[in-house]
């Protein structure tokens, strides 16, 4: 009788525990819709703040000729390449909805 319990535990119990935690692990690794919405809102907020900082630096630079803006890089496209890619992905995602 003890052998039946041991065999049942090994054959049924162990795979059940392993599959249970694999399922938990897979579901926890994904973003929820609320997470995606929050990330998109934070991204839009960061873009607006970046635009405001650029505006402030332009205003200060126009008033003070000694001021050298560190953030303004009009000719350097590599800095904004990832932002353009993210904008493209968000626009494609918005078109599909």
PDB file of N, CA and C in Angstrom:
ATOM      1  N   UNK A   1       0.817  -1.196   0.000  1.00  0.00           N
ATOM      2  CA  UNK A   1       0.000   0.000   0.000  1.00  0.00           C
ATOM      3  C   UNK A   1       0.860   1.258   0.000  1.00  0.00           C
ATOM      4  N   UNK A   2       1.955   1.207   0.752  1.00  0.00           N
ATOM      5  CA  UNK A   2       2.842   2.357   0.795  1.00  0.00           C
ATOM      6  C   UNK A   2       3.477   2.602  -0.571  1.00  0.00           C
ATOM      7  N   UNK A   3       3.740   1.536  -1.287  1.00  0.00           N
ATOM      8  CA  UNK A   3       4.354   1.669  -2.603  1.00  0.00           C
ATOM      9  C   UNK A   3       3.420   2.359  -3.584  1.00  0.00           C
ATOM     10  N   UNK A   4       2.112   2.127  -3.470  1.00  0.00           N
ATOM     11  CA  UNK A   4       1.119   2.754  -4.343  1.00  0.00           C
ATOM     12  C   UNK A   4       1.091   4.262  -4.092  1.00  0.00           C
ATOM     13  N   UNK A   5       1.150   4.658  -2.839  1.00  0.00           N
ATOM     14  CA  UNK A   5       1.147   6.081  -2.490  1.00  0.00           C
ATOM     15  C   UNK A   5       2.414   6.759  -3.006  1.00  0.00           C
ATOM     16  N   UNK A   6       3.530   6.125  -2.878  1.00  0.00           N
ATOM     17  CA  UNK A   6       4.792   6.688  -3.363  1.00  0.00           C
ATOM     18  C   UNK A   6       4.772   6.816  -4.886  1.00  0.00           C
ATOM     19  N   UNK A   7       4.321   5.781  -5.567  1.00  0.00           N
ATOM     20  CA  UNK A   7       4.253   5.813  -7.033  1.00  0.00           C
ATOM     21  C   UNK A   7       3.269   6.895  -7.485  1.00  0.00           C
ATOM     22  N   UNK A   8       2.111   6.986  -6.839  1.00  0.00           N
ATOM     23  CA  UNK A   8       1.123   7.997  -7.197  1.00  0.00           C
ATOM     24  C   UNK A   8       1.676   9.404  -6.978  1.00  0.00           C
ATOM     25  N   UNK A   9       2.395   9.591  -5.893  1.00  0.00           N
ATOM     26  CA  UNK A   9       2.989  10.899  -5.612  1.00  0.00           C
ATOM     27  C   UNK A   9       4.018  11.259  -6.673  1.00  0.00           C
ATOM     28  N   UNK A  10       4.841  10.317  -7.041  1.00  0.00           N
ATOM     29  CA  UNK A  10       5.885  10.586  -8.037  1.00  0.00           C
ATOM     30  C   UNK A  10       5.278  10.792  -9.422  1.00  0.00           C
ATOM     31  N   UNK A  11       4.316   9.951  -9.805  1.00  0.00           N
ATOM     32  CA  UNK A  11       3.756   9.996 -11.152  1.00  0.00           C
ATOM     33  C   UNK A  11       2.778  11.153 -11.315  1.00  0.00           C
ATOM     34  N   UNK A  12       1.984  11.457 -10.300  1.00  0.00           N
ATOM     35  CA  UNK A  12       0.949  12.486 -10.414  1.00  0.00           C
ATOM     36  C   UNK A  12       1.360  13.783  -9.713  1.00  0.00           C
ATOM     37  N   UNK A  13       1.834  13.680  -8.508  1.00  0.00           N
ATOM     38  CA  UNK A  13       2.103  14.874  -7.696  1.00  0.00           C
ATOM     39  C   UNK A  13       3.233  15.743  -8.205  1.00  0.00           C
ATOM     40  N   UNK A  14       4.360  15.143  -8.516  1.00  0.00           N
ATOM     41  CA  UNK A  14       5.522  15.927  -8.949  1.00  0.00           C
ATOM     42  C   UNK A  14       5.256  16.653 -10.268  1.00  0.00           C
ATOM     43  N   UNK A  15       4.736  15.965 -11.299  1.00  0.00           N
ATOM     44  CA  UNK A  15       4.441  16.717 -12.542  1.00  0.00           C
ATOM     45  C   UNK A  15       3.395  17.812 -12.330  1.00  0.00           C
ATOM     46  N   UNK A  16       2.413  17.556 -11.464  1.00  0.00           N
ATOM     47  CA  UNK A  16       1.401  18.571 -11.209  1.00  0.00           C
ATOM     48  C   UNK A  16       2.029  19.819 -10.596  1.00  0.00           C
ATOM     49  N   UNK A  17       2.902  19.644  -9.624  1.00  0.00           N
ATOM     50  CA  UNK A  17       3.568  20.786  -8.989  1.00  0.00           C
ATOM     51  C   UNK A  17       4.433  21.531 -10.003  1.00  0.00           C
ATOM     52  N   UNK A  18       5.195  20.801 -10.801  1.00  0.00           N
ATOM     53  CA  UNK A  18       6.061  21.438 -11.800  1.00  0.00           C
ATOM     54  C   UNK A  18       5.221  22.212 -12.817  1.00  0.00           C
ATOM     55  N   UNK A  19       4.194  21.590 -13.362  1.00  0.00           N
ATOM     56  CA  UNK A  19       3.343  22.275 -14.334  1.00  0.00           C
ATOM     57  C   UNK A  19       2.607  23.461 -13.718  1.00  0.00           C
ATOM     58  N   UNK A  20       2.208  23.352 -12.481  1.00  0.00           N
ATOM     59  CA  UNK A  20       1.542  24.454 -11.793  1.00  0.00           C
ATOM     60  C   UNK A  20       2.458  25.683 -11.736  1.00  0.00           C
ATOM     61  N   UNK A  21       3.699  25.494 -11.329  1.00  0.00           N
ATOM     62  CA  UNK A  21       4.611  26.633 -11.212  1.00  0.00           C
ATOM     63  C   UNK A  21       5.087  27.138 -12.564  1.00  0.00           C
ATOM     64  N   UNK A  22       5.158  26.278 -13.564  1.00  0.00           N
ATOM     65  CA  UNK A  22       5.479  26.745 -14.918  1.00  0.00           C
ATOM     66  C   UNK A  22       4.363  27.656 -15.419  1.00  0.00           C
ATOM     67  N   UNK A  23       3.118  27.275 -15.174  1.00  0.00           N
ATOM     68  CA  UNK A  23       1.982  28.102 -15.572  1.00  0.00           C
ATOM     69  C   UNK A  23       2.000  29.447 -14.846  1.00  0.00           C
ATOM     70  N   UNK A  24       2.272  29.436 -13.565  1.00  0.00           N
ATOM     71  CA  UNK A  24       2.368  30.685 -12.799  1.00  0.00           C
ATOM     72  C   UNK A  24       3.483  31.566 -13.341  1.00  0.00           C
ATOM     73  N   UNK A  25       4.610  30.972 -13.674  1.00  0.00           N
ATOM     74  CA  UNK A  25       5.757  31.720 -14.170  1.00  0.00           C
ATOM     75  C   UNK A  25       5.438  32.369 -15.517  1.00  0.00           C
ATOM     76  N   UNK A  26       4.760  31.640 -16.395  1.00  0.00           N
ATOM     77  CA  UNK A  26       4.432  32.183 -17.714  1.00  0.00           C
ATOM     78  C   UNK A  26       3.416  33.315 -17.625  1.00  0.00           C
ATOM     79  N   UNK A  27       2.454  33.213 -16.756  1.00  0.00           N
ATOM     80  CA  UNK A  27       1.457  34.279 -16.647  1.00  0.00           C
ATOM     81  C   UNK A  27       2.020  35.514 -15.972  1.00  0.00           C
ATOM     82  N   UNK A  28       2.959  35.360 -15.088  1.00  0.00           N
ATOM     83  CA  UNK A  28       3.541  36.511 -14.395  1.00  0.00           C
ATOM     84  C   UNK A  28       4.521  37.270 -15.276  1.00  0.00           C
ATOM     85  N   UNK A  29       5.026  36.687 -16.330  1.00  0.00           N
ATOM     86  CA  UNK A  29       6.040  37.323 -17.163  1.00  0.00           C
ATOM     87  C   UNK A  29       5.451  38.286 -18.184  1.00  0.00           C
ATOM     88  N   UNK A  30       4.141  38.336 -18.349  1.00  0.00           N
ATOM     89  CA  UNK A  30       3.539  39.191 -19.361  1.00  0.00           C
ATOM     90  C   UNK A  30       3.017  40.479 -18.751  1.00  0.00           C
ATOM     91  N   UNK A  31       2.899  41.488 -19.597  1.00  0.00           N
ATOM     92  CA  UNK A  31       2.326  42.759 -19.176  1.00  0.00           C
ATOM     93  C   UNK A  31       0.814  42.713 -19.330  1.00  0.00           C
ATOM     94  N   UNK A  32       0.129  43.283 -18.383  1.00  0.00           N
ATOM     95  CA  UNK A  32      -1.320  43.373 -18.494  1.00  0.00           C
ATOM     96  C   UNK A  32      -1.674  44.593 -19.331  1.00  0.00           C
ATOM     97  N   UNK A  33      -2.937  44.712 -19.697  1.00  0.00           N
ATOM     98  CA  UNK A  33      -3.391  45.880 -20.450  1.00  0.00           C
ATOM     99  C   UNK A  33      -3.210  47.151 -19.633  1.00  0.00           C
ATOM    100  N   UNK A  34      -3.430  47.056 -18.320  1.00  0.00           N
ATOM    101  CA  UNK A  34      -3.230  48.223 -17.457  1.00  0.00           C
ATOM    102  C   UNK A  34      -1.759  48.641 -17.436  1.00  0.00           C
ATOM    103  N   UNK A  35      -0.859  47.664 -17.424  1.00  0.00           N
ATOM    104  CA  UNK A  35       0.567  47.972 -17.463  1.00  0.00           C
ATOM    105  C   UNK A  35       0.944  48.668 -18.764  1.00  0.00           C
ATOM    106  N   UNK A  36       0.422  48.174 -19.881  1.00  0.00           N
ATOM    107  CA  UNK A  36       0.715  48.785 -21.172  1.00  0.00           C
ATOM    108  C   UNK A  36       0.173  50.204 -21.243  1.00  0.00           C
ATOM    109  N   UNK A  37      -1.025  50.426 -20.717  1.00  0.00           N
ATOM    110  CA  UNK A  37      -1.614  51.762 -20.701  1.00  0.00           C
ATOM    111  C   UNK A  37      -0.780  52.698 -19.843  1.00  0.00           C
ATOM    112  N   UNK A  38      -0.348  52.221 -18.686  1.00  0.00           N
ATOM    113  CA  UNK A  38       0.490  53.030 -17.810  1.00  0.00           C
ATOM    114  C   UNK A  38       1.812  53.383 -18.480  1.00  0.00           C
ATOM    115  N   UNK A  39       2.437  52.423 -19.131  1.00  0.00           N
ATOM    116  CA  UNK A  39       3.692  52.693 -19.831  1.00  0.00           C
ATOM    117  C   UNK A  39       3.508  53.703 -20.958  1.00  0.00           C
ATOM    118  N   UNK A  40       2.420  53.589 -21.683  1.00  0.00           N
ATOM    119  CA  UNK A  40       2.156  54.540 -22.763  1.00  0.00           C
ATOM    120  C   UNK A  40       1.916  55.940 -22.205  1.00  0.00           C
ATOM    121  N   UNK A  41       1.175  56.049 -21.107  1.00  0.00           N
ATOM    122  CA  UNK A  41       0.953  57.352 -20.470  1.00  0.00           C
ATOM    123  C   UNK A  41       2.267  57.956 -19.974  1.00  0.00           C
ATOM    124  N   UNK A  42       3.106  57.129 -19.367  1.00  0.00           N
ATOM    125  CA  UNK A  42       4.405  57.620 -18.893  1.00  0.00           C
ATOM    126  C   UNK A  42       5.289  58.054 -20.055  1.00  0.00           C
ATOM    127  N   UNK A  43       5.229  57.331 -21.159  1.00  0.00           N
ATOM    128  CA  UNK A  43       6.005  57.708 -22.331  1.00  0.00           C
ATOM    129  C   UNK A  43       5.548  59.066 -22.867  1.00  0.00           C
ATOM    130  N   UNK A  44       4.225  59.259 -22.970  1.00  0.00           N
ATOM    131  CA  UNK A  44       3.703  60.538 -23.456  1.00  0.00           C
ATOM    132  C   UNK A  44       4.093  61.678 -22.511  1.00  0.00           C
ATOM    133  N   UNK A  45       4.042  61.429 -21.219  1.00  0.00           N
ATOM    134  CA  UNK A  45       4.450  62.436 -20.242  1.00  0.00           C
ATOM    135  C   UNK A  45       5.930  62.775 -20.400  1.00  0.00           C
ATOM    136  N   UNK A  46       6.761  61.769 -20.589  1.00  0.00           N
ATOM    137  CA  UNK A  46       8.201  61.999 -20.764  1.00  0.00           C
ATOM    138  C   UNK A  46       8.465  62.799 -22.038  1.00  0.00           C
ATOM    139  N   UNK A  47       7.732  62.532 -23.110  1.00  0.00           N
ATOM    140  CA  UNK A  47       7.910  63.302 -24.348  1.00  0.00           C
ATOM    141  C   UNK A  47       7.524  64.761 -24.146  1.00  0.00           C
ATOM    142  N   UNK A  48       6.417  64.991 -23.447  1.00  0.00           N
ATOM    143  CA  UNK A  48       6.000  66.383 -23.199  1.00  0.00           C
ATOM    144  C   UNK A  48       7.024  67.116 -22.338  1.00  0.00           C
ATOM    145  N   UNK A  49       7.534  66.437 -21.313  1.00  0.00           N
ATOM    146  CA  UNK A  49       8.542  67.061 -20.458  1.00  0.00           C
ATOM    147  C   UNK A  49       9.829  67.345 -21.230  1.00  0.00           C
ATOM    148  N   UNK A  50      10.204  66.446 -22.123  1.00  0.00           N
ATOM    149  CA  UNK A  50      11.388  66.656 -22.944  1.00  0.00           C
ATOM    150  C   UNK A  50      11.205  67.867 -23.857  1.00  0.00           C
ATOM    151  N   UNK A  51      10.028  67.991 -24.460  1.00  0.00           N
ATOM    152  CA  UNK A  51       9.745  69.148 -25.306  1.00  0.00           C
ATOM    153  C   UNK A  51       9.776  70.447 -24.493  1.00  0.00           C
ATOM    154  N   UNK A  52       9.252  70.413 -23.284  1.00  0.00           N
ATOM    155  CA  UNK A  52       9.277  71.600 -22.427  1.00  0.00           C
ATOM    156  C   UNK A  52      10.698  71.995 -22.050  1.00  0.00           C
ATOM    157  N   UNK A  53      11.523  70.981 -21.742  1.00  0.00           N
ATOM    158  CA  UNK A  53      12.921  71.281 -21.408  1.00  0.00           C
ATOM    159  C   UNK A  53      13.643  71.904 -22.600  1.00  0.00           C
ATOM    160  N   UNK A  54      13.383  71.403 -23.791  1.00  0.00           N
ATOM    161  CA  UNK A  54      13.983  71.990 -24.983  1.00  0.00           C
ATOM    162  C   UNK A  54      13.535  73.431 -25.167  1.00  0.00           C
ATOM    163  N   UNK A  55      12.260  73.695 -24.921  1.00  0.00           N
ATOM    164  CA  UNK A  55      11.743  75.063 -25.036  1.00  0.00           C
ATOM    165  C   UNK A  55      12.394  75.982 -24.013  1.00  0.00           C
ATOM    166  N   UNK A  56      12.510  75.513 -22.779  1.00  0.00           N
ATOM    167  CA  UNK A  56      13.141  76.322 -21.733  1.00  0.00           C
ATOM    168  C   UNK A  56      14.597  76.618 -22.097  1.00  0.00           C
ATOM    169  N   UNK A  57      15.314  75.635 -22.589  1.00  0.00           N
ATOM    170  CA  UNK A  57      16.712  75.861 -22.964  1.00  0.00           C
ATOM    171  C   UNK A  57      16.820  76.827 -24.128  1.00  0.00           C
ATOM    172  N   UNK A  58      15.908  76.755 -25.097  1.00  0.00           N
ATOM    173  CA  UNK A  58      15.927  77.711 -26.197  1.00  0.00           C
ATOM    174  C   UNK A  58      15.669  79.129 -25.694  1.00  0.00           C
ATOM    175  N   UNK A  59      14.720  79.279 -24.773  1.00  0.00           N
ATOM    176  CA  UNK A  59      14.415  80.606 -24.232  1.00  0.00           C
ATOM    177  C   UNK A  59      15.594  81.170 -23.445  1.00  0.00           C
ATOM    178  N   UNK A  60      16.200  80.350 -22.613  1.00  0.00           N
ATOM    179  CA  UNK A  60      17.341  80.805 -21.827  1.00  0.00           C
ATOM    180  C   UNK A  60      18.512  81.133 -22.749  1.00  0.00           C
ATOM    181  N   UNK A  61      18.719  80.331 -23.773  1.00  0.00           N
ATOM    182  CA  UNK A  61      19.817  80.576 -24.711  1.00  0.00           C
ATOM    183  C   UNK A  61      19.596  81.868 -25.495  1.00  0.00           C
ATOM    184  N   UNK A  62      18.347  82.193 -25.793  1.00  0.00           N
ATOM    185  CA  UNK A  62      18.089  83.441 -26.526  1.00  0.00           C
ATOM    186  C   UNK A  62      18.279  84.660 -25.633  1.00  0.00           C
ATOM    187  N   UNK A  63      18.044  84.536 -24.323  1.00  0.00           N
ATOM    188  CA  UNK A  63      18.229  85.651 -23.391  1.00  0.00           C
ATOM    189  C   UNK A  63      19.671  85.799 -22.925  1.00  0.00           C
ATOM    190  N   UNK A  64      20.378  84.702 -22.825  1.00  0.00           N
ATOM    191  CA  UNK A  64      21.735  84.722 -22.285  1.00  0.00           C
ATOM    192  C   UNK A  64      22.689  84.101 -23.307  1.00  0.00           C
ATOM    193  N   UNK A  65      23.522  84.922 -23.965  1.00  0.00           N
ATOM    194  CA  UNK A  65      24.413  84.375 -25.006  1.00  0.00           C
ATOM    195  C   UNK A  65      25.500  83.450 -24.447  1.00  0.00           C
ATOM    196  N   UNK A  66      25.774  83.499 -23.153  1.00  0.00           N
ATOM    197  CA  UNK A  66      26.801  82.636 -22.565  1.00  0.00           C
ATOM    198  C   UNK A  66      26.280  81.238 -22.245  1.00  0.00           C
ATOM    199  N   UNK A  67      24.971  81.085 -22.246  1.00  0.00           N
ATOM    200  CA  UNK A  67      24.371  79.790 -21.934  1.00  0.00           C
ATOM    201  C   UNK A  67      24.578  78.831 -23.097  1.00  0.00           C
ATOM    202  N   UNK A  68      25.073  77.633 -22.774  1.00  0.00           N
ATOM    203  CA  UNK A  68      25.282  76.603 -23.790  1.00  0.00           C
ATOM    204  C   UNK A  68      24.345  75.431 -23.487  1.00  0.00           C
ATOM    205  N   UNK A  69      23.282  75.301 -24.261  1.00  0.00           N
ATOM    206  CA  UNK A  69      22.336  74.203 -23.994  1.00  0.00           C
ATOM    207  C   UNK A  69      22.985  72.855 -24.259  1.00  0.00           C
ATOM    208  N   UNK A  70      22.849  71.968 -23.300  1.00  0.00           N
ATOM    209  CA  UNK A  70      23.431  70.633 -23.416  1.00  0.00           C
ATOM    210  C   UNK A  70      22.453  69.631 -24.013  1.00  0.00           C
ATOM    211  N   UNK A  71      21.171  69.930 -23.908  1.00  0.00           N
ATOM    212  CA  UNK A  71      20.176  68.967 -24.359  1.00  0.00           C
ATOM    213  C   UNK A  71      19.828  69.118 -25.827  1.00  0.00           C
ATOM    214  N   UNK A  72      19.990  70.304 -26.369  1.00  0.00           N
ATOM    215  CA  UNK A  72      19.582  70.537 -27.751  1.00  0.00           C
ATOM    216  C   UNK A  72      20.623  69.991 -28.711  1.00  0.00           C
ATOM    217  N   UNK A  73      20.220  69.030 -29.495  1.00  0.00           N
ATOM    218  CA  UNK A  73      21.099  68.450 -30.507  1.00  0.00           C
ATOM    219  C   UNK A  73      20.285  68.330 -31.794  1.00  0.00           C
ATOM    220  N   UNK A  74      20.242  69.387 -32.531  1.00  0.00           N
ATOM    221  CA  UNK A  74      19.377  69.409 -33.706  1.00  0.00           C
ATOM    222  C   UNK A  74      19.906  68.525 -34.826  1.00  0.00           C
ATOM    223  N   UNK A  75      21.213  68.360 -34.942  1.00  0.00           N
ATOM    224  CA  UNK A  75      21.789  67.611 -36.042  1.00  0.00           C
ATOM    225  C   UNK A  75      22.005  66.135 -35.713  1.00  0.00           C
ATOM    226  N   UNK A  76      21.906  65.761 -34.449  1.00  0.00           N
ATOM    227  CA  UNK A  76      22.229  64.400 -34.048  1.00  0.00           C
ATOM    228  C   UNK A  76      20.962  63.552 -34.013  1.00  0.00           C
ATOM    229  N   UNK A  77      20.762  62.756 -35.052  1.00  0.00           N
ATOM    230  CA  UNK A  77      19.558  61.925 -35.164  1.00  0.00           C
ATOM    231  C   UNK A  77      19.677  60.628 -34.379  1.00  0.00           C
ATOM    232  N   UNK A  78      20.881  60.222 -34.023  1.00  0.00           N
ATOM    233  CA  UNK A  78      21.057  58.960 -33.303  1.00  0.00           C
ATOM    234  C   UNK A  78      20.408  59.011 -31.923  1.00  0.00           C
ATOM    235  N   UNK A  79      20.371  60.192 -31.299  1.00  0.00           N
ATOM    236  CA  UNK A  79      19.787  60.312 -29.965  1.00  0.00           C
ATOM    237  C   UNK A  79      18.293  60.042 -29.976  1.00  0.00           C
ATOM    238  N   UNK A  80      17.639  60.438 -31.047  1.00  0.00           N
ATOM    239  CA  UNK A  80      16.181  60.291 -31.084  1.00  0.00           C
ATOM    240  C   UNK A  80      15.730  59.110 -31.932  1.00  0.00           C
ATOM    241  N   UNK A  81      16.637  58.291 -32.397  1.00  0.00           N
ATOM    242  CA  UNK A  81      16.283  57.157 -33.242  1.00  0.00           C
ATOM    243  C   UNK A  81      15.377  56.166 -32.514  1.00  0.00           C
ATOM    244  N   UNK A  82      15.688  55.869 -31.249  1.00  0.00           N
ATOM    245  CA  UNK A  82      14.855  54.930 -30.492  1.00  0.00           C
ATOM    246  C   UNK A  82      13.476  55.515 -30.228  1.00  0.00           C
ATOM    247  N   UNK A  83      13.399  56.835 -30.001  1.00  0.00           N
ATOM    248  CA  UNK A  83      12.094  57.465 -29.795  1.00  0.00           C
ATOM    249  C   UNK A  83      11.255  57.397 -31.063  1.00  0.00           C
ATOM    250  N   UNK A  84      11.876  57.616 -32.219  1.00  0.00           N
ATOM    251  CA  UNK A  84      11.145  57.518 -33.478  1.00  0.00           C
ATOM    252  C   UNK A  84      10.644  56.091 -33.704  1.00  0.00           C
ATOM    253  N   UNK A  85      11.458  55.113 -33.365  1.00  0.00           N
ATOM    254  CA  UNK A  85      11.054  53.711 -33.507  1.00  0.00           C
ATOM    255  C   UNK A  85       9.873  53.396 -32.583  1.00  0.00           C
ATOM    256  N   UNK A  86       9.931  53.904 -31.347  1.00  0.00           N
ATOM    257  CA  UNK A  86       8.840  53.675 -30.404  1.00  0.00           C
ATOM    258  C   UNK A  86       7.569  54.373 -30.879  1.00  0.00           C
ATOM    259  N   UNK A  87       7.688  55.589 -31.405  1.00  0.00           N
ATOM    260  CA  UNK A  87       6.527  56.282 -31.966  1.00  0.00           C
ATOM    261  C   UNK A  87       5.909  55.479 -33.102  1.00  0.00           C
ATOM    262  N   UNK A  88       6.748  54.924 -33.971  1.00  0.00           N
ATOM    263  CA  UNK A  88       6.249  54.135 -35.093  1.00  0.00           C
ATOM    264  C   UNK A  88       5.492  52.907 -34.582  1.00  0.00           C
ATOM    265  N   UNK A  89       6.064  52.236 -33.564  1.00  0.00           N
ATOM    266  CA  UNK A  89       5.415  51.048 -33.016  1.00  0.00           C
ATOM    267  C   UNK A  89       4.082  51.403 -32.363  1.00  0.00           C
ATOM    268  N   UNK A  90       4.032  52.519 -31.648  1.00  0.00           N
ATOM    269  CA  UNK A  90       2.779  52.933 -31.014  1.00  0.00           C
ATOM    270  C   UNK A  90       1.734  53.305 -32.055  1.00  0.00           C
ATOM    271  N   UNK A  91       2.161  53.946 -33.132  1.00  0.00           N
ATOM    272  CA  UNK A  91       1.216  54.301 -34.195  1.00  0.00           C
ATOM    273  C   UNK A  91       0.672  53.051 -34.874  1.00  0.00           C
ATOM    274  N   UNK A  92       1.519  52.062 -35.131  1.00  0.00           N
ATOM    275  CA  UNK A  92       1.055  50.811 -35.713  1.00  0.00           C
ATOM    276  C   UNK A  92       0.092  50.103 -34.785  1.00  0.00           C
ATOM    277  N   UNK A  93       0.387  50.122 -33.517  1.00  0.00           N
ATOM    278  CA  UNK A  93      -0.492  49.482 -32.536  1.00  0.00           C
ATOM    279  C   UNK A  93      -1.835  50.190 -32.462  1.00  0.00           C
ATOM    280  N   UNK A  94      -1.808  51.514 -32.562  1.00  0.00           N
ATOM    281  CA  UNK A  94      -3.045  52.288 -32.544  1.00  0.00           C
ATOM    282  C   UNK A  94      -3.894  52.063 -33.776  1.00  0.00           C
ATOM    283  N   UNK A  95      -3.246  51.831 -34.924  1.00  0.00           N
ATOM    284  CA  UNK A  95      -3.974  51.564 -36.157  1.00  0.00           C
ATOM    285  C   UNK A  95      -4.694  50.228 -36.116  1.00  0.00           C
ATOM    286  N   UNK A  96      -4.114  49.268 -35.409  1.00  0.00           N
ATOM    287  CA  UNK A  96      -4.677  47.911 -35.353  1.00  0.00           C
ATOM    288  C   UNK A  96      -5.847  47.817 -34.397  1.00  0.00           C
ATOM    289  N   UNK A  97      -5.922  48.711 -33.430  1.00  0.00           N
ATOM    290  CA  UNK A  97      -7.000  48.631 -32.427  1.00  0.00           C
ATOM    291  C   UNK A  97      -8.334  49.032 -32.996  1.00  0.00           C
TER     292      UNK A  97
END
